[in-house]
PDB file of N, CA and C in Angstrom:
ATOM      1  N   MET A   1       0.753  -1.245  -0.015  1.00  0.00           N
ATOM      2  CA  MET A   1       0.099   0.072  -0.053  1.00  0.00           C
ATOM      3  C   MET A   1       0.849   1.271   0.002  1.00  0.00           C
ATOM      4  N   TYR A   2       0.549   2.229  -0.817  1.00  0.00           N
ATOM      5  CA  TYR A   2       1.376   3.357  -0.919  1.00  0.00           C
ATOM      6  C   TYR A   2       0.594   4.665  -0.346  1.00  0.00           C
ATOM      7  N   PHE A   3       1.148   5.377   0.419  1.00  0.00           N
ATOM      8  CA  PHE A   3       0.747   6.596   1.180  1.00  0.00           C
ATOM      9  C   PHE A   3       1.530   7.796   0.796  1.00  0.00           C
ATOM     10  N   PHE A   4       0.888   8.931   0.720  1.00  0.00           N
ATOM     11  CA  PHE A   4       1.588  10.188   0.514  1.00  0.00           C
ATOM     12  C   PHE A   4       1.190  11.180   1.646  1.00  0.00           C
ATOM     13  N   PRO A   5       2.035  12.014   1.991  1.00  0.00           N
ATOM     14  CA  PRO A   5       1.672  13.050   3.035  1.00  0.00           C
ATOM     15  C   PRO A   5       1.181  14.141   2.531  1.00  0.00           C
ATOM     16  N   VAL A   6       0.339  14.921   3.242  1.00  0.00           N
ATOM     17  CA  VAL A   6      -0.393  16.140   2.755  1.00  0.00           C
ATOM     18  C   VAL A   6       0.521  17.241   3.034  1.00  0.00           C
ATOM     19  N   GLU A   7       1.270  17.173   4.107  1.00  0.00           N
ATOM     20  CA  GLU A   7       2.370  18.282   4.498  1.00  0.00           C
ATOM     21  C   GLU A   7       3.682  17.618   5.001  1.00  0.00           C
ATOM     22  N   SER A   8       4.473  18.427   5.505  1.00  0.00           N
ATOM     23  CA  SER A   8       5.703  17.858   5.886  1.00  0.00           C
ATOM     24  C   SER A   8       5.464  16.712   6.948  1.00  0.00           C
ATOM     25  N   PRO A   9       6.191  15.614   6.751  1.00  0.00           N
ATOM     26  CA  PRO A   9       5.916  14.391   7.746  1.00  0.00           C
ATOM     27  C   PRO A   9       6.520  14.692   9.035  1.00  0.00           C
ATOM     28  N   LEU A  10       7.341  15.753   9.260  1.00  0.00           N
ATOM     29  CA  LEU A  10       8.022  16.237  10.425  1.00  0.00           C
ATOM     30  C   LEU A  10       6.907  16.878  11.372  1.00  0.00           C
ATOM     31  N   ARG A  11       5.878  17.337  10.849  1.00  0.00           N
ATOM     32  CA  ARG A  11       4.787  18.061  11.591  1.00  0.00           C
ATOM     33  C   ARG A  11       3.961  17.008  12.165  1.00  0.00           C
ATOM     34  N   LYS A  12       3.590  17.186  13.412  1.00  0.00           N
ATOM     35  CA  LYS A  12       2.500  16.276  14.069  1.00  0.00           C
ATOM     36  C   LYS A  12       1.086  16.295  13.388  1.00  0.00           C
ATOM     37  N   THR A  13       0.786  17.359  12.747  1.00  0.00           N
ATOM     38  CA  THR A  13      -0.495  17.453  12.097  1.00  0.00           C
ATOM     39  C   THR A  13      -0.641  16.922  10.632  1.00  0.00           C
ATOM     40  N   CYS A  14       0.582  16.198  10.342  1.00  0.00           N
ATOM     41  CA  CYS A  14       0.612  15.706   8.878  1.00  0.00           C
ATOM     42  C   CYS A  14      -0.446  14.554   8.764  1.00  0.00           C
ATOM     43  N   THR A  15      -1.156  14.655   7.530  1.00  0.00           N
ATOM     44  CA  THR A  15      -2.148  13.567   7.285  1.00  0.00           C
ATOM     45  C   THR A  15      -1.621  12.743   6.052  1.00  0.00           C
ATOM     46  N   TRP A  16      -1.672  11.384   6.198  1.00  0.00           N
ATOM     47  CA  TRP A  16      -1.174  10.534   5.061  1.00  0.00           C
ATOM     48  C   TRP A  16      -2.397   9.942   4.541  1.00  0.00           C
ATOM     49  N   ILE A  17      -2.284   9.974   3.250  1.00  0.00           N
ATOM     50  CA  ILE A  17      -3.443   9.500   2.344  1.00  0.00           C
ATOM     51  C   ILE A  17      -3.031   8.159   1.592  1.00  0.00           C
ATOM     52  N   ALA A  18      -3.854   7.114   1.505  1.00  0.00           N
ATOM     53  CA  ALA A  18      -3.680   6.060   0.784  1.00  0.00           C
ATOM     54  C   ALA A  18      -3.836   6.163  -0.740  1.00  0.00           C
ATOM     55  N   HIS A  19      -2.989   6.209  -1.451  1.00  0.00           N
ATOM     56  CA  HIS A  19      -2.978   6.399  -2.987  1.00  0.00           C
ATOM     57  C   HIS A  19      -4.098   5.759  -3.535  1.00  0.00           C
ATOM     58  N   SER A  20      -4.139   4.382  -3.356  1.00  0.00           N
ATOM     59  CA  SER A  20      -5.177   3.564  -3.953  1.00  0.00           C
ATOM     60  C   SER A  20      -6.596   3.769  -3.665  1.00  0.00           C
ATOM     61  N   HIS A  21      -6.808   4.470  -2.539  1.00  0.00           N
ATOM     62  CA  HIS A  21      -8.123   4.652  -2.043  1.00  0.00           C
ATOM     63  C   HIS A  21      -8.641   5.968  -2.629  1.00  0.00           C
ATOM     64  N   VAL A  22      -7.939   6.836  -3.244  1.00  0.00           N
ATOM     65  CA  VAL A  22      -8.330   8.229  -3.751  1.00  0.00           C
ATOM     66  C   VAL A  22      -9.095   8.033  -5.101  1.00  0.00           C
ATOM     67  N   LEU A  23     -10.275   8.495  -5.167  1.00  0.00           N
ATOM     68  CA  LEU A  23     -11.103   8.490  -6.159  1.00  0.00           C
ATOM     69  C   LEU A  23     -10.883   9.713  -6.987  1.00  0.00           C
ATOM     70  N   GLU A  24     -11.056  10.919  -6.258  1.00  0.00           N
ATOM     71  CA  GLU A  24     -10.735  12.204  -7.086  1.00  0.00           C
ATOM     72  C   GLU A  24     -10.332  13.294  -6.103  1.00  0.00           C
ATOM     73  N   ILE A  25      -9.826  14.368  -6.560  1.00  0.00           N
ATOM     74  CA  ILE A  25      -9.489  15.571  -5.787  1.00  0.00           C
ATOM     75  C   ILE A  25     -10.124  16.680  -6.344  1.00  0.00           C
ATOM     76  N   GLU A  26     -10.745  17.545  -5.472  1.00  0.00           N
ATOM     77  CA  GLU A  26     -11.409  18.680  -6.005  1.00  0.00           C
ATOM     78  C   GLU A  26     -10.959  20.002  -5.223  1.00  0.00           C
ATOM     79  N   LYS A  27     -10.778  20.941  -5.976  1.00  0.00           N
ATOM     80  CA  LYS A  27     -10.354  22.353  -5.523  1.00  0.00           C
ATOM     81  C   LYS A  27     -11.628  22.977  -4.985  1.00  0.00           C
ATOM     82  N   ILE A  28     -11.562  23.416  -3.720  1.00  0.00           N
ATOM     83  CA  ILE A  28     -12.715  24.133  -3.081  1.00  0.00           C
ATOM     84  C   ILE A  28     -12.403  25.706  -3.133  1.00  0.00           C
ATOM     85  N   GLU A  29     -11.280  26.039  -2.533  1.00  0.00           N
ATOM     86  CA  GLU A  29     -10.915  27.488  -2.518  1.00  0.00           C
ATOM     87  C   GLU A  29      -9.202  27.432  -2.726  1.00  0.00           C
ATOM     88  N   GLN A  30      -8.629  28.643  -2.387  1.00  0.00           N
ATOM     89  CA  GLN A  30      -7.196  28.565  -2.623  1.00  0.00           C
ATOM     90  C   GLN A  30      -6.494  27.610  -1.974  1.00  0.00           C
ATOM     91  N   HIS A  31      -6.661  27.417  -0.626  1.00  0.00           N
ATOM     92  CA  HIS A  31      -6.042  26.485   0.137  1.00  0.00           C
ATOM     93  C   HIS A  31      -6.840  25.465   0.813  1.00  0.00           C
ATOM     94  N   LEU A  32      -7.938  25.049   0.248  1.00  0.00           N
ATOM     95  CA  LEU A  32      -8.932  24.007   0.603  1.00  0.00           C
ATOM     96  C   LEU A  32      -9.054  23.097  -0.508  1.00  0.00           C
ATOM     97  N   THR A  33      -8.854  21.714  -0.152  1.00  0.00           N
ATOM     98  CA  THR A  33      -8.964  20.772  -1.213  1.00  0.00           C
ATOM     99  C   THR A  33      -9.920  19.627  -0.644  1.00  0.00           C
ATOM    100  N   ARG A  34     -10.782  19.027  -1.426  1.00  0.00           N
ATOM    101  CA  ARG A  34     -11.537  17.903  -1.015  1.00  0.00           C
ATOM    102  C   ARG A  34     -11.101  16.536  -1.665  1.00  0.00           C
ATOM    103  N   VAL A  35     -10.678  15.687  -0.842  1.00  0.00           N
ATOM    104  CA  VAL A  35     -10.327  14.324  -1.290  1.00  0.00           C
ATOM    105  C   VAL A  35     -11.548  13.429  -1.101  1.00  0.00           C
ATOM    106  N   VAL A  36     -11.970  12.779  -2.277  1.00  0.00           N
ATOM    107  CA  VAL A  36     -12.986  11.856  -2.338  1.00  0.00           C
ATOM    108  C   VAL A  36     -12.574  10.497  -2.469  1.00  0.00           C
ATOM    109  N   PHE A  37     -12.918   9.716  -1.471  1.00  0.00           N
ATOM    110  CA  PHE A  37     -12.245   8.258  -1.444  1.00  0.00           C
ATOM    111  C   PHE A  37     -13.319   7.256  -2.190  1.00  0.00           C
ATOM    112  N   LYS A  38     -12.820   6.151  -2.588  1.00  0.00           N
ATOM    113  CA  LYS A  38     -13.577   5.081  -3.352  1.00  0.00           C
ATOM    114  C   LYS A  38     -14.643   4.606  -2.549  1.00  0.00           C
ATOM    115  N   ASN A  39     -14.658   4.788  -1.192  1.00  0.00           N
ATOM    116  CA  ASN A  39     -15.861   4.250  -0.476  1.00  0.00           C
ATOM    117  C   ASN A  39     -17.039   5.337  -0.196  1.00  0.00           C
ATOM    118  N   GLY A  40     -16.596   6.401  -0.927  1.00  0.00           N
ATOM    119  CA  GLY A  40     -17.869   7.515  -0.848  1.00  0.00           C
ATOM    120  C   GLY A  40     -17.399   8.601   0.132  1.00  0.00           C
ATOM    121  N   ARG A  41     -16.730   8.339   1.139  1.00  0.00           N
ATOM    122  CA  ARG A  41     -16.336   9.328   2.147  1.00  0.00           C
ATOM    123  C   ARG A  41     -15.341  10.412   1.570  1.00  0.00           C
ATOM    124  N   ASP A  42     -15.435  11.592   2.161  1.00  0.00           N
ATOM    125  CA  ASP A  42     -14.524  12.696   1.712  1.00  0.00           C
ATOM    126  C   ASP A  42     -13.872  13.284   2.758  1.00  0.00           C
ATOM    127  N   LEU A  43     -12.811  13.976   2.521  1.00  0.00           N
ATOM    128  CA  LEU A  43     -11.993  14.721   3.576  1.00  0.00           C
ATOM    129  C   LEU A  43     -11.606  16.142   2.995  1.00  0.00           C
ATOM    130  N   VAL A  44     -11.974  17.196   3.707  1.00  0.00           N
ATOM    131  CA  VAL A  44     -11.568  18.533   3.436  1.00  0.00           C
ATOM    132  C   VAL A  44     -10.204  18.738   3.991  1.00  0.00           C
ATOM    133  N   LEU A  45      -9.106  19.241   3.372  1.00  0.00           N
ATOM    134  CA  LEU A  45      -7.787  19.522   4.036  1.00  0.00           C
ATOM    135  C   LEU A  45      -7.542  20.995   3.646  1.00  0.00           C
ATOM    136  N   GLU A  46      -6.754  21.537   4.645  1.00  0.00           N
ATOM    137  CA  GLU A  46      -6.159  22.880   4.279  1.00  0.00           C
ATOM    138  C   GLU A  46      -4.836  22.721   3.658  1.00  0.00           C
ATOM    139  N   VAL A  47      -4.812  22.500   2.257  1.00  0.00           N
ATOM    140  CA  VAL A  47      -3.716  22.395   1.496  1.00  0.00           C
ATOM    141  C   VAL A  47      -4.140  22.651   0.108  1.00  0.00           C
ATOM    142  N   SER A  48      -3.280  23.353  -0.808  1.00  0.00           N
ATOM    143  CA  SER A  48      -3.763  23.714  -2.108  1.00  0.00           C
ATOM    144  C   SER A  48      -3.937  22.571  -2.915  1.00  0.00           C
ATOM    145  N   TYR A  49      -4.713  22.659  -3.951  1.00  0.00           N
ATOM    146  CA  TYR A  49      -5.013  21.679  -4.974  1.00  0.00           C
ATOM    147  C   TYR A  49      -3.820  21.272  -5.644  1.00  0.00           C
ATOM    148  N   ALA A  50      -3.039  22.269  -6.055  1.00  0.00           N
ATOM    149  CA  ALA A  50      -1.811  21.765  -6.730  1.00  0.00           C
ATOM    150  C   ALA A  50      -0.823  21.031  -5.976  1.00  0.00           C
ATOM    151  N   THR A  51      -0.775  21.149  -4.695  1.00  0.00           N
ATOM    152  CA  THR A  51       0.087  20.366  -3.787  1.00  0.00           C
ATOM    153  C   THR A  51      -0.545  18.961  -3.731  1.00  0.00           C
ATOM    154  N   MET A  52      -1.741  18.807  -3.632  1.00  0.00           N
ATOM    155  CA  MET A  52      -2.429  17.482  -3.569  1.00  0.00           C
ATOM    156  C   MET A  52      -2.188  16.675  -5.011  1.00  0.00           C
ATOM    157  N   ILE A  53      -2.450  17.506  -6.008  1.00  0.00           N
ATOM    158  CA  ILE A  53      -2.337  16.744  -7.301  1.00  0.00           C
ATOM    159  C   ILE A  53      -0.819  16.280  -7.575  1.00  0.00           C
ATOM    160  N   ASN A  54       0.187  17.253  -7.167  1.00  0.00           N
ATOM    161  CA  ASN A  54       1.539  16.853  -7.163  1.00  0.00           C
ATOM    162  C   ASN A  54       1.903  15.606  -6.339  1.00  0.00           C
ATOM    163  N   GLN A  55       1.336  15.565  -5.084  1.00  0.00           N
ATOM    164  CA  GLN A  55       1.803  14.226  -4.171  1.00  0.00           C
ATOM    165  C   GLN A  55       1.076  13.112  -4.929  1.00  0.00           C
ATOM    166  N   LEU A  56      -0.204  13.240  -5.352  1.00  0.00           N
ATOM    167  CA  LEU A  56      -0.887  12.078  -6.093  1.00  0.00           C
ATOM    168  C   LEU A  56      -0.095  11.756  -7.207  1.00  0.00           C
ATOM    169  N   TYR A  57       0.465  12.494  -8.158  1.00  0.00           N
ATOM    170  CA  TYR A  57       1.083  12.165  -9.224  1.00  0.00           C
ATOM    171  C   TYR A  57       2.578  11.552  -8.913  1.00  0.00           C
ATOM    172  N   ARG A  58       3.361  12.111  -7.953  1.00  0.00           N
ATOM    173  CA  ARG A  58       4.530  11.634  -7.536  1.00  0.00           C
ATOM    174  C   ARG A  58       4.448  10.170  -7.025  1.00  0.00           C
ATOM    175  N   THR A  59       3.390   9.946  -6.168  1.00  0.00           N
ATOM    176  CA  THR A  59       3.100   8.623  -5.644  1.00  0.00           C
ATOM    177  C   THR A  59       2.803   7.609  -6.939  1.00  0.00           C
ATOM    178  N   ALA A  60       1.982   7.955  -7.772  1.00  0.00           N
ATOM    179  CA  ALA A  60       1.716   7.371  -8.884  1.00  0.00           C
ATOM    180  C   ALA A  60       3.008   6.858  -9.652  1.00  0.00           C
ATOM    181  N   GLN A  61       3.859   7.903  -9.871  1.00  0.00           N
ATOM    182  CA  GLN A  61       5.118   7.510 -10.583  1.00  0.00           C
ATOM    183  C   GLN A  61       5.960   6.622  -9.845  1.00  0.00           C
ATOM    184  N   TYR A  62       6.055   6.759  -8.475  1.00  0.00           N
ATOM    185  CA  TYR A  62       6.894   5.960  -7.653  1.00  0.00           C
ATOM    186  C   TYR A  62       6.365   4.487  -7.764  1.00  0.00           C
ATOM    187  N   ARG A  63       4.972   4.440  -7.761  1.00  0.00           N
ATOM    188  CA  ARG A  63       4.401   3.056  -7.915  1.00  0.00           C
ATOM    189  C   ARG A  63       4.767   2.402  -9.122  1.00  0.00           C
ATOM    190  N   TYR A  64       4.672   3.060 -10.293  1.00  0.00           N
ATOM    191  CA  TYR A  64       5.056   2.457 -11.554  1.00  0.00           C
ATOM    192  C   TYR A  64       6.521   2.137 -11.640  1.00  0.00           C
ATOM    193  N   LEU A  65       7.420   2.969 -11.063  1.00  0.00           N
ATOM    194  CA  LEU A  65       8.826   2.639 -11.333  1.00  0.00           C
ATOM    195  C   LEU A  65       9.143   1.439 -10.285  1.00  0.00           C
ATOM    196  N   LEU A  66       8.612   1.420  -9.173  1.00  0.00           N
ATOM    197  CA  LEU A  66       8.821   0.326  -8.144  1.00  0.00           C
ATOM    198  C   LEU A  66       8.311  -1.029  -8.812  1.00  0.00           C
ATOM    199  N   SER A  67       7.039  -0.912  -9.331  1.00  0.00           N
ATOM    200  CA  SER A  67       6.592  -2.092  -9.940  1.00  0.00           C
ATOM    201  C   SER A  67       7.317  -2.671 -11.118  1.00  0.00           C
ATOM    202  N   ASN A  68       7.910  -1.728 -11.952  1.00  0.00           N
ATOM    203  CA  ASN A  68       8.803  -2.121 -13.096  1.00  0.00           C
ATOM    204  C   ASN A  68      10.044  -2.730 -12.587  1.00  0.00           C
ATOM    205  N   LYS A  69      10.641  -2.102 -11.495  1.00  0.00           N
ATOM    206  CA  LYS A  69      11.840  -2.706 -10.922  1.00  0.00           C
ATOM    207  C   LYS A  69      11.618  -4.047 -10.331  1.00  0.00           C
ATOM    208  N   MET A  70      10.480  -4.280  -9.560  1.00  0.00           N
ATOM    209  CA  MET A  70      10.115  -5.553  -9.000  1.00  0.00           C
ATOM    210  C   MET A  70       9.910  -6.691 -10.181  1.00  0.00           C
ATOM    211  N   GLN A  71       9.329  -6.203 -11.313  1.00  0.00           N
ATOM    212  CA  GLN A  71       9.183  -7.184 -12.419  1.00  0.00           C
ATOM    213  C   GLN A  71      10.477  -7.512 -12.888  1.00  0.00           C
ATOM    214  N   ASP A  72      11.335  -6.620 -13.054  1.00  0.00           N
ATOM    215  CA  ASP A  72      12.819  -6.973 -13.580  1.00  0.00           C
ATOM    216  C   ASP A  72      13.460  -7.982 -12.668  1.00  0.00           C
ATOM    217  N   ILE A  73      13.261  -7.767 -11.399  1.00  0.00           N
ATOM    218  CA  ILE A  73      13.947  -8.642 -10.236  1.00  0.00           C
ATOM    219  C   ILE A  73      13.213 -10.067 -10.432  1.00  0.00           C
ATOM    220  N   LEU A  74      11.892 -10.133 -10.585  1.00  0.00           N
ATOM    221  CA  LEU A  74      11.298 -11.394 -10.560  1.00  0.00           C
ATOM    222  C   LEU A  74      11.728 -12.234 -11.881  1.00  0.00           C
ATOM    223  N   GLU A  75      11.813 -11.454 -12.974  1.00  0.00           N
ATOM    224  CA  GLU A  75      12.307 -12.116 -14.121  1.00  0.00           C
ATOM    225  C   GLU A  75      13.676 -12.626 -14.067  1.00  0.00           C
ATOM    226  N   THR A  76      14.544 -11.906 -13.535  1.00  0.00           N
ATOM    227  CA  THR A  76      16.033 -12.165 -13.308  1.00  0.00           C
ATOM    228  C   THR A  76      16.033 -13.410 -12.199  1.00  0.00           C
ATOM    229  N   SER A  77      15.226 -13.451 -11.236  1.00  0.00           N
ATOM    230  CA  SER A  77      15.266 -14.608 -10.198  1.00  0.00           C
ATOM    231  C   SER A  77      14.848 -15.694 -10.848  1.00  0.00           C
ATOM    232  N   GLN A  78      13.916 -15.797 -11.876  1.00  0.00           N
ATOM    233  CA  GLN A  78      13.622 -16.913 -12.605  1.00  0.00           C
ATOM    234  C   GLN A  78      14.806 -17.698 -13.249  1.00  0.00           C
ATOM    235  N   HIS A  79      15.642 -16.887 -13.808  1.00  0.00           N
ATOM    236  CA  HIS A  79      17.028 -17.458 -14.367  1.00  0.00           C
ATOM    237  C   HIS A  79      17.799 -18.063 -13.400  1.00  0.00           C
ATOM    238  N   ILE A  80      17.780 -17.560 -12.176  1.00  0.00           N
ATOM    239  CA  ILE A  80      18.644 -18.048 -11.249  1.00  0.00           C
ATOM    240  C   ILE A  80      18.158 -19.431 -10.681  1.00  0.00           C
ATOM    241  N   ALA A  81      16.819 -19.480 -10.719  1.00  0.00           N
ATOM    242  CA  ALA A  81      16.045 -20.743 -10.281  1.00  0.00           C
ATOM    243  C   ALA A  81      16.633 -21.849 -11.253  1.00  0.00           C
ATOM    244  N   GLU A  82      16.826 -21.677 -12.505  1.00  0.00           N
ATOM    245  CA  GLU A  82      17.205 -22.534 -13.509  1.00  0.00           C
ATOM    246  C   GLU A  82      18.668 -22.713 -13.656  1.00  0.00           C
ATOM    247  N   SER A  83      19.529 -22.237 -12.791  1.00  0.00           N
ATOM    248  CA  SER A  83      20.842 -22.389 -12.761  1.00  0.00           C
ATOM    249  C   SER A  83      21.318 -23.718 -12.349  1.00  0.00           C
ATOM    250  N   LYS A  84      22.670 -23.971 -12.398  1.00  0.00           N
ATOM    251  CA  LYS A  84      23.206 -25.361 -12.190  1.00  0.00           C
ATOM    252  C   LYS A  84      22.941 -25.498 -10.727  1.00  0.00           C
ATOM    253  N   TRP A  85      22.766 -24.579  -9.922  1.00  0.00           N
ATOM    254  CA  TRP A  85      22.425 -24.910  -8.367  1.00  0.00           C
ATOM    255  C   TRP A  85      21.251 -25.354  -8.041  1.00  0.00           C
ATOM    256  N   HIS A  86      20.259 -25.349  -9.033  1.00  0.00           N
ATOM    257  CA  HIS A  86      18.781 -25.780  -8.846  1.00  0.00           C
ATOM    258  C   HIS A  86      18.808 -27.349  -8.858  1.00  0.00           C
ATOM    259  N   LYS A  87      18.272 -27.907  -7.705  1.00  0.00           N
ATOM    260  CA  LYS A  87      18.090 -29.431  -7.834  1.00  0.00           C
ATOM    261  C   LYS A  87      16.960 -29.893  -8.700  1.00  0.00           C
ATOM    262  N   LYS A  88      17.283 -30.860  -9.585  1.00  0.00           N
ATOM    263  CA  LYS A  88      16.272 -31.468 -10.239  1.00  0.00           C
ATOM    264  C   LYS A  88      15.607 -32.640  -9.503  1.00  0.00           C
ATOM    265  N   ARG A  89      14.407 -32.826  -9.939  1.00  0.00           N
ATOM    266  CA  ARG A  89      13.659 -33.912  -9.204  1.00  0.00           C
ATOM    267  C   ARG A  89      13.573 -35.158  -9.996  1.00  0.00           C
TER     268      ARG A  89
END
């Protein structure tokens, strides 16, 4: 599960959002943003729309890159399993 912070993680008031649970993000005012979750609930945060979109997109990019890296590792590990060290039955 991938989470992203709404503000600096060093602040006690920092809220973390689960990326896969976000349905949409709506701008309310200059520094008010509404996050709508897939379960129908919503949360209004004192953060700019641009900041929320940036965090959402950065997390999506990270998920994509990590997923590709894990796929490469899995493909490589399949070759290792077929090496001379693999016991045959």
